[in-house]
Amino acid sequence: MTRPRLSSRAAGLLRLIMDQRVPVFLTVHANGRRRYGCWQSGGRPVALPTDECDALYAAGRIVLGDPVVDRAKTTYRVRAAARGRYRPAGVALTA
């Protein structure tokens, strides 16, 4: 099965997620709000576009690591899916 073609913006996000030096995380807040982000050099947080990242997740291009849960939020490490393992995600992202 072939993967759908990515937009240039989504391809750029996937390249960022594939870069092992830039850890990307998904935070799901208790109220359901989701935020993807990473840390720039110098310790500055950068928010990533949620709609594009959710589309990559739904297309099976990225996967989530084990959750770290506290009362206010759940945080997942985001990684690129292994090549050749195209499987659309079917898991709802909730806290």
Protein backbone atom coordinates (compact mmCIF):
# COMPACT_ATOMS: atom_id res chain seq x y z
CA MET A 1 0.00 0.00 0.00
CA THR A 2 1.44 3.39 -0.94
CA ARG A 3 1.36 6.37 1.36
CA PRO A 4 -0.48 9.52 0.35
CA ARG A 5 1.69 12.40 -0.89
CA LEU A 6 2.63 14.98 1.77
CA SER A 7 2.27 18.73 1.48
CA SER A 8 5.53 20.67 1.73
CA ARG A 9 4.55 21.85 5.22
CA ALA A 10 3.82 18.29 6.40
CA ALA A 11 7.07 17.05 4.83
CA GLY A 12 8.98 19.72 6.75
CA LEU A 13 7.32 18.67 9.99
CA LEU A 14 8.15 15.03 9.33
CA ARG A 15 11.81 15.95 8.71
CA LEU A 16 11.83 17.81 12.04
CA ILE A 17 10.30 14.83 13.84
CA MET A 18 12.84 12.48 12.23
CA ASP A 19 15.74 14.60 13.52
CA GLN A 20 16.91 12.75 16.65
CA ARG A 21 18.47 15.94 18.04
CA VAL A 22 15.06 17.68 18.27
CA PRO A 23 12.69 15.82 20.60
CA VAL A 24 9.05 16.45 19.68
CA PHE A 25 6.25 15.92 22.18
CA LEU A 26 2.45 15.86 22.18
CA THR A 27 0.76 17.21 25.28
CA VAL A 28 -2.92 16.36 25.77
CA HIS A 29 -4.41 18.56 28.49
CA ALA A 30 -7.21 17.40 30.81
CA ASN A 31 -9.68 19.63 28.94
CA GLY A 32 -8.86 17.80 25.66
CA ARG A 33 -6.64 20.49 24.13
CA ARG A 34 -3.69 19.01 22.23
CA ARG A 35 -0.40 20.74 21.55
CA TYR A 36 2.59 19.42 19.62
CA GLY A 37 5.89 21.09 20.31
CA CYS A 38 9.66 20.90 20.47
CA TRP A 39 12.51 22.83 22.06
CA GLN A 40 14.74 25.13 20.02
CA SER A 41 18.37 25.67 20.85
CA GLY A 42 18.64 28.03 23.78
CA GLY A 43 15.75 26.30 25.58
CA ARG A 44 12.87 28.06 23.82
CA PRO A 45 9.69 26.04 23.30
CA VAL A 46 8.16 26.03 19.80
CA ALA A 47 4.57 25.02 19.09
CA LEU A 48 3.98 22.96 15.96
CA PRO A 49 0.76 23.12 13.90
CA THR A 50 -1.67 20.71 15.55
CA ASP A 51 -3.77 20.10 12.43
CA GLU A 52 -0.75 19.05 10.34
CA CYS A 53 0.67 16.85 13.10
CA ASP A 54 -2.72 15.21 13.68
CA ALA A 55 -2.92 14.51 9.94
CA LEU A 56 0.54 12.88 10.03
CA TYR A 57 -0.60 10.75 12.98
CA ALA A 58 -3.86 9.76 11.26
CA ALA A 59 -1.90 8.80 8.13
CA GLY A 60 0.40 6.55 10.16
CA ARG A 61 3.47 8.72 9.48
CA ILE A 62 4.21 9.39 13.16
CA VAL A 63 3.77 7.29 16.29
CA LEU A 64 3.43 8.13 19.96
CA GLY A 65 5.63 6.79 22.72
CA ASP A 66 4.53 5.69 26.15
CA PRO A 67 2.40 8.26 27.99
CA VAL A 68 3.63 10.24 30.96
CA VAL A 69 0.48 11.05 32.93
CA ASP A 70 -0.23 13.59 35.64
CA ARG A 71 -3.47 15.21 36.82
CA ALA A 72 -3.44 18.06 34.32
CA LYS A 73 -1.98 16.49 31.20
CA THR A 74 -0.61 13.46 29.39
CA THR A 75 2.62 13.81 27.42
CA TYR A 76 3.82 11.54 24.60
CA ARG A 77 7.13 11.49 22.75
CA VAL A 78 6.47 11.76 19.00
CA ARG A 79 8.58 9.76 16.54
CA ALA A 80 8.46 9.02 12.85
CA ALA A 81 6.88 5.67 12.01
CA ALA A 82 9.19 2.97 10.71
CA ARG A 83 9.40 2.88 6.93
CA GLY A 84 7.27 0.28 5.24
CA ARG A 85 4.86 0.04 8.15
CA TYR A 86 2.01 2.13 6.75
CA ARG A 87 -1.01 1.70 8.97
CA PRO A 88 -3.44 4.54 9.58
CA ALA A 89 -3.80 5.29 13.27
CA GLY A 90 -7.11 4.46 14.89
CA VAL A 91 -6.45 5.56 18.46
CA ALA A 92 -8.19 8.61 19.88
CA LEU A 93 -5.90 11.12 21.59
CA THR A 94 -7.44 11.85 24.97
CA ALA A 95 -6.11 12.60 28.43
